[in-house]
Amino acid sequence: MLFNFANVLLILVGGFVFVAINLILSRFLQTRLPSIEKEMPYECGEEPIGDTRIKFNTRFYVIALIFLIFDVEIVFLFPWGVVFRKLIEDGAGILAFGEMFVFILILLVGLAYVWAKGDLEWIRSIQSVQEEKT
């Protein structure tokens, strides 16, 4: 039993050693010719204008993460829908329906939480943001 874990440990150690050796070799073998142009921020071939660190609204990321969470979980409905008729024929239809009901209920609770928190509102008022900070 422990021998199986030793194999995994050896593979992990071997992977870390391989990565470390390659990083060290690339550090010593690379040619470095620094210049002002090479150290400039790259913006699709255009000359950078102004500060390159733009403050993005975190709402984009929050809404994208919410979309991904619900989108990935909805994908789990398709295999269940494909085999549901077979599950009914085998007598496990009520159990499968109950399990999917619990799954969808968990999704709805998550949606209600996100909705109540106000994360689904694209444009939030300044007052709500200030209240959230206090």
N, C-alpha and C. Protein backbone atom coordinates (compact mmCIF):
# COMPACT_ATOMS: atom_id res chain seq x y z
N MET A 1 0.83 -1.20 0.00
CA MET A 1 0.00 0.00 0.00
C MET A 1 0.87 1.25 0.00
N LEU A 2 1.84 1.32 0.90
CA LEU A 2 2.70 2.49 0.95
C LEU A 2 3.58 2.60 -0.27
N PHE A 3 3.85 1.47 -0.92
CA PHE A 3 4.68 1.50 -2.13
C PHE A 3 4.00 2.30 -3.23
N ASN A 4 2.67 2.23 -3.32
CA ASN A 4 1.94 3.01 -4.32
C ASN A 4 2.09 4.51 -4.07
N PHE A 5 2.05 4.90 -2.80
CA PHE A 5 2.24 6.30 -2.47
C PHE A 5 3.68 6.73 -2.72
N ALA A 6 4.62 5.83 -2.54
CA ALA A 6 6.02 6.14 -2.81
C ALA A 6 6.23 6.41 -4.30
N ASN A 7 5.51 5.70 -5.14
CA ASN A 7 5.60 5.95 -6.58
C ASN A 7 5.12 7.35 -6.93
N VAL A 8 4.03 7.75 -6.32
CA VAL A 8 3.50 9.09 -6.56
C VAL A 8 4.49 10.14 -6.06
N LEU A 9 5.06 9.89 -4.88
CA LEU A 9 6.04 10.82 -4.33
C LEU A 9 7.27 10.93 -5.24
N LEU A 10 7.72 9.82 -5.76
CA LEU A 10 8.87 9.84 -6.67
C LEU A 10 8.56 10.63 -7.94
N ILE A 11 7.37 10.46 -8.47
CA ILE A 11 6.98 11.20 -9.68
C ILE A 11 6.92 12.70 -9.38
N LEU A 12 6.35 13.08 -8.23
CA LEU A 12 6.28 14.50 -7.87
C LEU A 12 7.67 15.09 -7.68
N VAL A 13 8.52 14.38 -6.96
CA VAL A 13 9.88 14.87 -6.75
C VAL A 13 10.62 14.96 -8.08
N GLY A 14 10.47 13.96 -8.92
CA GLY A 14 11.10 13.98 -10.24
C GLY A 14 10.61 15.15 -11.07
N GLY A 15 9.32 15.45 -11.00
CA GLY A 15 8.77 16.60 -11.74
C GLY A 15 9.34 17.91 -11.24
N PHE A 16 9.41 18.08 -9.92
CA PHE A 16 9.98 19.31 -9.36
C PHE A 16 11.45 19.46 -9.72
N VAL A 17 12.20 18.36 -9.65
CA VAL A 17 13.62 18.40 -10.00
C VAL A 17 13.79 18.75 -11.47
N PHE A 18 12.98 18.16 -12.35
CA PHE A 18 13.05 18.44 -13.78
C PHE A 18 12.79 19.92 -14.06
N VAL A 19 11.76 20.48 -13.43
CA VAL A 19 11.43 21.89 -13.63
C VAL A 19 12.56 22.77 -13.09
N ALA A 20 13.09 22.44 -11.91
CA ALA A 20 14.15 23.25 -11.31
C ALA A 20 15.41 23.23 -12.19
N ILE A 21 15.76 22.06 -12.69
CA ILE A 21 16.95 21.97 -13.56
C ILE A 21 16.76 22.80 -14.82
N ASN A 22 15.60 22.73 -15.42
CA ASN A 22 15.35 23.51 -16.64
C ASN A 22 15.35 25.01 -16.37
N LEU A 23 14.82 25.43 -15.24
CA LEU A 23 14.84 26.86 -14.91
C LEU A 23 16.26 27.34 -14.67
N ILE A 24 17.04 26.54 -13.95
CA ILE A 24 18.43 26.93 -13.68
C ILE A 24 19.24 26.96 -14.97
N LEU A 25 19.07 25.96 -15.83
CA LEU A 25 19.79 25.93 -17.11
C LEU A 25 19.41 27.12 -17.99
N SER A 26 18.14 27.43 -18.05
CA SER A 26 17.72 28.55 -18.90
C SER A 26 18.24 29.87 -18.35
N ARG A 27 18.37 29.96 -17.05
CA ARG A 27 18.90 31.18 -16.44
C ARG A 27 20.36 31.42 -16.85
N PHE A 28 21.15 30.33 -16.89
CA PHE A 28 22.56 30.47 -17.22
C PHE A 28 22.84 30.48 -18.73
N LEU A 29 22.00 29.85 -19.52
CA LEU A 29 22.27 29.73 -20.95
C LEU A 29 21.64 30.83 -21.80
N GLN A 30 20.74 31.61 -21.21
CA GLN A 30 20.08 32.63 -22.02
C GLN A 30 21.00 33.83 -22.26
N THR A 31 20.76 34.48 -23.38
CA THR A 31 21.50 35.70 -23.67
C THR A 31 20.65 36.88 -23.25
N ARG A 32 21.28 37.82 -22.56
CA ARG A 32 20.55 38.98 -22.10
C ARG A 32 21.11 40.22 -22.77
N LEU A 33 20.27 40.86 -23.51
CA LEU A 33 20.63 42.13 -24.15
C LEU A 33 19.54 43.14 -23.83
N PRO A 34 19.53 43.66 -22.59
CA PRO A 34 18.45 44.58 -22.22
C PRO A 34 18.57 45.91 -22.96
N SER A 35 17.42 46.45 -23.27
CA SER A 35 17.37 47.78 -23.89
C SER A 35 16.07 48.45 -23.43
N ILE A 36 15.99 49.73 -23.67
CA ILE A 36 14.79 50.48 -23.25
C ILE A 36 13.56 49.97 -23.97
N GLU A 37 13.70 49.67 -25.26
CA GLU A 37 12.56 49.19 -26.04
C GLU A 37 12.07 47.84 -25.56
N LYS A 38 12.99 46.96 -25.17
CA LYS A 38 12.58 45.63 -24.71
C LYS A 38 11.89 45.68 -23.35
N GLU A 39 12.21 46.66 -22.56
CA GLU A 39 11.63 46.75 -21.22
C GLU A 39 10.34 47.58 -21.19
N MET A 40 9.94 48.11 -22.34
CA MET A 40 8.68 48.85 -22.40
C MET A 40 7.50 47.89 -22.38
N PRO A 41 6.37 48.31 -21.83
CA PRO A 41 5.18 47.46 -21.89
C PRO A 41 4.72 47.31 -23.34
N TYR A 42 4.25 46.13 -23.67
CA TYR A 42 3.83 45.84 -25.04
C TYR A 42 2.32 45.95 -25.13
N GLU A 43 1.82 46.76 -26.03
CA GLU A 43 0.39 46.94 -26.22
C GLU A 43 0.03 46.72 -27.68
N CYS A 44 0.04 45.51 -28.12
CA CYS A 44 -0.37 45.14 -29.47
C CYS A 44 0.38 45.90 -30.55
N GLY A 45 1.64 46.12 -30.35
CA GLY A 45 2.45 46.79 -31.36
C GLY A 45 2.36 48.29 -31.34
N GLU A 46 1.56 48.87 -30.46
CA GLU A 46 1.40 50.32 -30.40
C GLU A 46 2.28 50.89 -29.30
N GLU A 47 2.63 52.14 -29.48
CA GLU A 47 3.38 52.84 -28.43
C GLU A 47 2.46 53.03 -27.23
N PRO A 48 2.91 52.67 -26.04
CA PRO A 48 2.04 52.87 -24.87
C PRO A 48 1.86 54.35 -24.58
N ILE A 49 0.62 54.72 -24.29
CA ILE A 49 0.29 56.11 -23.99
C ILE A 49 -0.24 56.15 -22.57
N GLY A 50 0.36 56.97 -21.75
CA GLY A 50 -0.09 57.11 -20.37
C GLY A 50 0.35 55.94 -19.51
N ASP A 51 -0.33 55.79 -18.38
CA ASP A 51 0.00 54.72 -17.44
C ASP A 51 -0.52 53.39 -17.98
N THR A 52 0.29 52.37 -17.93
CA THR A 52 -0.12 51.08 -18.47
C THR A 52 -0.93 50.26 -17.48
N ARG A 53 -0.95 50.69 -16.24
CA ARG A 53 -1.73 49.97 -15.23
C ARG A 53 -3.11 50.59 -15.13
N ILE A 54 -4.06 50.02 -15.83
CA ILE A 54 -5.42 50.53 -15.86
C ILE A 54 -6.22 49.82 -14.76
N LYS A 55 -7.02 50.57 -14.05
CA LYS A 55 -7.85 49.96 -13.01
C LYS A 55 -9.11 49.40 -13.66
N PHE A 56 -9.23 48.08 -13.65
CA PHE A 56 -10.42 47.44 -14.19
C PHE A 56 -11.45 47.30 -13.08
N ASN A 57 -12.69 47.41 -13.46
CA ASN A 57 -13.77 47.20 -12.51
C ASN A 57 -13.85 45.71 -12.19
N THR A 58 -13.85 45.37 -10.93
CA THR A 58 -13.90 43.96 -10.54
C THR A 58 -15.24 43.32 -10.86
N ARG A 59 -16.23 44.11 -11.21
CA ARG A 59 -17.55 43.56 -11.56
C ARG A 59 -17.43 42.60 -12.74
N PHE A 60 -16.52 42.89 -13.68
CA PHE A 60 -16.33 42.01 -14.82
C PHE A 60 -15.95 40.61 -14.35
N TYR A 61 -15.01 40.54 -13.42
CA TYR A 61 -14.52 39.26 -12.95
C TYR A 61 -15.57 38.53 -12.12
N VAL A 62 -16.29 39.27 -11.27
CA VAL A 62 -17.32 38.65 -10.43
C VAL A 62 -18.41 38.05 -11.30
N ILE A 63 -18.89 38.79 -12.27
CA ILE A 63 -19.96 38.29 -13.13
C ILE A 63 -19.46 37.14 -13.99
N ALA A 64 -18.21 37.21 -14.46
CA ALA A 64 -17.65 36.10 -15.24
C ALA A 64 -17.54 34.84 -14.38
N LEU A 65 -17.12 34.97 -13.14
CA LEU A 65 -17.03 33.80 -12.26
C LEU A 65 -18.40 33.23 -11.95
N ILE A 66 -19.37 34.09 -11.71
CA ILE A 66 -20.73 33.60 -11.46
C ILE A 66 -21.26 32.86 -12.68
N PHE A 67 -21.02 33.42 -13.86
CA PHE A 67 -21.45 32.75 -15.09
C PHE A 67 -20.79 31.38 -15.22
N LEU A 68 -19.48 31.32 -15.00
CA LEU A 68 -18.78 30.04 -15.12
C LEU A 68 -19.29 29.01 -14.13
N ILE A 69 -19.52 29.43 -12.90
CA ILE A 69 -20.00 28.49 -11.89
C ILE A 69 -21.34 27.90 -12.32
N PHE A 70 -22.29 28.75 -12.68
CA PHE A 70 -23.60 28.24 -13.05
C PHE A 70 -23.58 27.52 -14.39
N ASP A 71 -22.76 27.97 -15.31
CA ASP A 71 -22.68 27.33 -16.62
C ASP A 71 -22.13 25.91 -16.50
N VAL A 72 -21.07 25.75 -15.73
CA VAL A 72 -20.48 24.42 -15.56
C VAL A 72 -21.44 23.50 -14.82
N GLU A 73 -22.14 24.02 -13.84
CA GLU A 73 -23.06 23.16 -13.11
C GLU A 73 -24.29 22.80 -13.95
N ILE A 74 -24.71 23.67 -14.83
CA ILE A 74 -25.83 23.34 -15.71
C ILE A 74 -25.44 22.24 -16.69
N VAL A 75 -24.16 22.17 -17.04
CA VAL A 75 -23.70 21.11 -17.95
C VAL A 75 -23.96 19.73 -17.34
N PHE A 76 -23.97 19.64 -16.01
CA PHE A 76 -24.25 18.36 -15.35
C PHE A 76 -25.69 17.91 -15.55
N LEU A 77 -26.57 18.80 -15.98
CA LEU A 77 -27.96 18.41 -16.22
C LEU A 77 -28.11 17.57 -17.49
N PHE A 78 -27.25 17.76 -18.47
CA PHE A 78 -27.40 17.05 -19.74
C PHE A 78 -27.22 15.54 -19.61
N PRO A 79 -26.17 15.04 -18.97
CA PRO A 79 -26.06 13.58 -18.83
C PRO A 79 -27.23 13.00 -18.03
N TRP A 80 -27.66 13.73 -17.02
CA TRP A 80 -28.79 13.26 -16.23
C TRP A 80 -30.06 13.19 -17.09
N GLY A 81 -30.26 14.21 -17.92
CA GLY A 81 -31.43 14.21 -18.80
C GLY A 81 -31.39 13.09 -19.82
N VAL A 82 -30.19 12.72 -20.28
CA VAL A 82 -30.05 11.65 -21.27
C VAL A 82 -30.42 10.30 -20.67
N VAL A 83 -30.01 10.05 -19.44
CA VAL A 83 -30.24 8.72 -18.84
C VAL A 83 -31.47 8.68 -17.94
N PHE A 84 -32.21 9.79 -17.83
CA PHE A 84 -33.34 9.81 -16.89
C PHE A 84 -34.41 8.79 -17.26
N ARG A 85 -34.72 8.64 -18.55
CA ARG A 85 -35.74 7.67 -18.96
C ARG A 85 -35.31 6.25 -18.59
N LYS A 86 -34.03 5.95 -18.78
CA LYS A 86 -33.50 4.63 -18.40
C LYS A 86 -33.60 4.44 -16.89
N LEU A 87 -33.34 5.50 -16.13
CA LEU A 87 -33.43 5.41 -14.67
C LEU A 87 -34.87 5.16 -14.23
N ILE A 88 -35.84 5.75 -14.93
CA ILE A 88 -37.25 5.52 -14.61
C ILE A 88 -37.61 4.06 -14.87
N GLU A 89 -37.12 3.52 -16.00
CA GLU A 89 -37.41 2.13 -16.34
C GLU A 89 -36.79 1.17 -15.34
N ASP A 90 -35.64 1.52 -14.79
CA ASP A 90 -34.96 0.66 -13.82
C ASP A 90 -35.51 0.82 -12.41
N GLY A 91 -36.43 1.74 -12.20
CA GLY A 91 -37.02 1.93 -10.88
C GLY A 91 -36.28 2.92 -9.99
N ALA A 92 -35.27 3.58 -10.50
CA ALA A 92 -34.52 4.55 -9.71
C ALA A 92 -34.86 5.97 -10.10
N GLY A 93 -35.99 6.14 -10.78
CA GLY A 93 -36.36 7.46 -11.29
C GLY A 93 -36.65 8.46 -10.19
N ILE A 94 -37.36 8.02 -9.14
CA ILE A 94 -37.70 8.93 -8.04
C ILE A 94 -36.43 9.38 -7.32
N LEU A 95 -35.52 8.44 -7.09
CA LEU A 95 -34.26 8.78 -6.43
C LEU A 95 -33.44 9.75 -7.29
N ALA A 96 -33.34 9.49 -8.57
CA ALA A 96 -32.59 10.37 -9.48
C ALA A 96 -33.24 11.74 -9.55
N PHE A 97 -34.58 11.77 -9.59
CA PHE A 97 -35.28 13.05 -9.61
C PHE A 97 -35.04 13.83 -8.33
N GLY A 98 -35.06 13.13 -7.20
CA GLY A 98 -34.80 13.77 -5.91
C GLY A 98 -33.39 14.32 -5.83
N GLU A 99 -32.43 13.55 -6.31
CA GLU A 99 -31.05 14.03 -6.29
C GLU A 99 -30.88 15.27 -7.16
N MET A 100 -31.51 15.27 -8.33
CA MET A 100 -31.40 16.43 -9.20
C MET A 100 -32.16 17.62 -8.62
N PHE A 101 -33.27 17.34 -7.92
CA PHE A 101 -34.00 18.42 -7.26
C PHE A 101 -33.13 19.09 -6.21
N VAL A 102 -32.40 18.29 -5.42
CA VAL A 102 -31.49 18.84 -4.41
C VAL A 102 -30.38 19.65 -5.09
N PHE A 103 -29.85 19.12 -6.20
CA PHE A 103 -28.80 19.81 -6.94
C PHE A 103 -29.28 21.17 -7.43
N ILE A 104 -30.47 21.21 -8.02
CA ILE A 104 -31.02 22.46 -8.53
C ILE A 104 -31.37 23.40 -7.38
N LEU A 105 -31.81 22.84 -6.26
CA LEU A 105 -32.11 23.65 -5.09
C LEU A 105 -30.84 24.33 -4.57
N ILE A 106 -29.72 23.61 -4.57
CA ILE A 106 -28.45 24.21 -4.17
C ILE A 106 -28.07 25.34 -5.13
N LEU A 107 -28.28 25.12 -6.43
CA LEU A 107 -28.01 26.18 -7.41
C LEU A 107 -28.90 27.40 -7.17
N LEU A 108 -30.16 27.16 -6.86
CA LEU A 108 -31.07 28.27 -6.62
C LEU A 108 -30.72 29.03 -5.34
N VAL A 109 -30.27 28.33 -4.32
CA VAL A 109 -29.83 29.00 -3.09
C VAL A 109 -28.61 29.88 -3.39
N GLY A 110 -27.68 29.35 -4.20
CA GLY A 110 -26.53 30.14 -4.60
C GLY A 110 -26.93 31.36 -5.41
N LEU A 111 -27.87 31.17 -6.32
CA LEU A 111 -28.35 32.29 -7.13
C LEU A 111 -29.04 33.33 -6.25
N ALA A 112 -29.85 32.89 -5.30
CA ALA A 112 -30.53 33.82 -4.40
C ALA A 112 -29.52 34.59 -3.56
N TYR A 113 -28.47 33.92 -3.12
CA TYR A 113 -27.43 34.59 -2.33
C TYR A 113 -26.72 35.67 -3.15
N VAL A 114 -26.37 35.32 -4.38
CA VAL A 114 -25.67 36.28 -5.24
C VAL A 114 -26.61 37.44 -5.58
N TRP A 115 -27.86 37.13 -5.81
CA TRP A 115 -28.84 38.16 -6.14
C TRP A 115 -29.08 39.09 -4.95
N ALA A 116 -29.23 38.50 -3.74
CA ALA A 116 -29.46 39.31 -2.55
C ALA A 116 -28.24 40.16 -2.22
N LYS A 117 -27.08 39.67 -2.51
CA LYS A 117 -25.84 40.42 -2.25
C LYS A 117 -25.68 41.58 -3.23
N GLY A 118 -26.39 41.53 -4.35
CA GLY A 118 -26.34 42.60 -5.34
C GLY A 118 -25.27 42.43 -6.39
N ASP A 119 -24.71 41.23 -6.48
CA ASP A 119 -23.64 41.00 -7.45
C ASP A 119 -24.15 40.84 -8.87
N LEU A 120 -25.44 40.71 -9.06
CA LEU A 120 -25.98 40.59 -10.42
C LEU A 120 -26.34 41.94 -11.02
N GLU A 121 -26.28 42.99 -10.22
CA GLU A 121 -26.56 44.32 -10.72
C GLU A 121 -25.30 44.83 -11.40
N TRP A 122 -25.42 45.15 -12.67
CA TRP A 122 -24.25 45.57 -13.42
C TRP A 122 -23.79 46.96 -12.98
N ILE A 123 -24.73 47.86 -12.82
CA ILE A 123 -24.41 49.22 -12.38
C ILE A 123 -24.96 49.38 -10.97
N ARG A 124 -24.05 49.57 -10.04
CA ARG A 124 -24.45 49.73 -8.66
C ARG A 124 -24.36 51.21 -8.29
N SER A 125 -25.25 51.63 -7.43
CA SER A 125 -25.22 53.02 -7.01
C SER A 125 -24.05 53.24 -6.05
N ILE A 126 -23.58 54.46 -5.98
CA ILE A 126 -22.47 54.79 -5.10
C ILE A 126 -22.87 54.55 -3.65
N GLN A 127 -24.13 54.80 -3.33
CA GLN A 127 -24.61 54.63 -1.96
C GLN A 127 -24.52 53.16 -1.54
N SER A 128 -24.89 52.24 -2.42
CA SER A 128 -24.84 50.83 -2.06
C SER A 128 -23.41 50.35 -1.88
N VAL A 129 -22.48 50.90 -2.66
CA VAL A 129 -21.07 50.53 -2.52
C VAL A 129 -20.53 51.06 -1.21
N GLN A 130 -20.91 52.30 -0.82
CA GLN A 130 -20.44 52.87 0.44
C GLN A 130 -21.03 52.11 1.62
N GLU A 131 -22.30 51.71 1.52
CA GLU A 131 -22.91 50.93 2.60
C GLU A 131 -22.23 49.58 2.76
N GLU A 132 -21.81 49.01 1.65
CA GLU A 132 -21.16 47.71 1.68
C GLU A 132 -19.79 47.79 2.38
N LYS A 133 -19.10 48.92 2.20
CA LYS A 133 -17.78 49.09 2.80
C LYS A 133 -17.87 49.29 4.31
N THR A 134 -18.99 49.86 4.80
CA THR A 134 -19.11 50.10 6.24
C THR A 134 -19.70 48.94 6.98
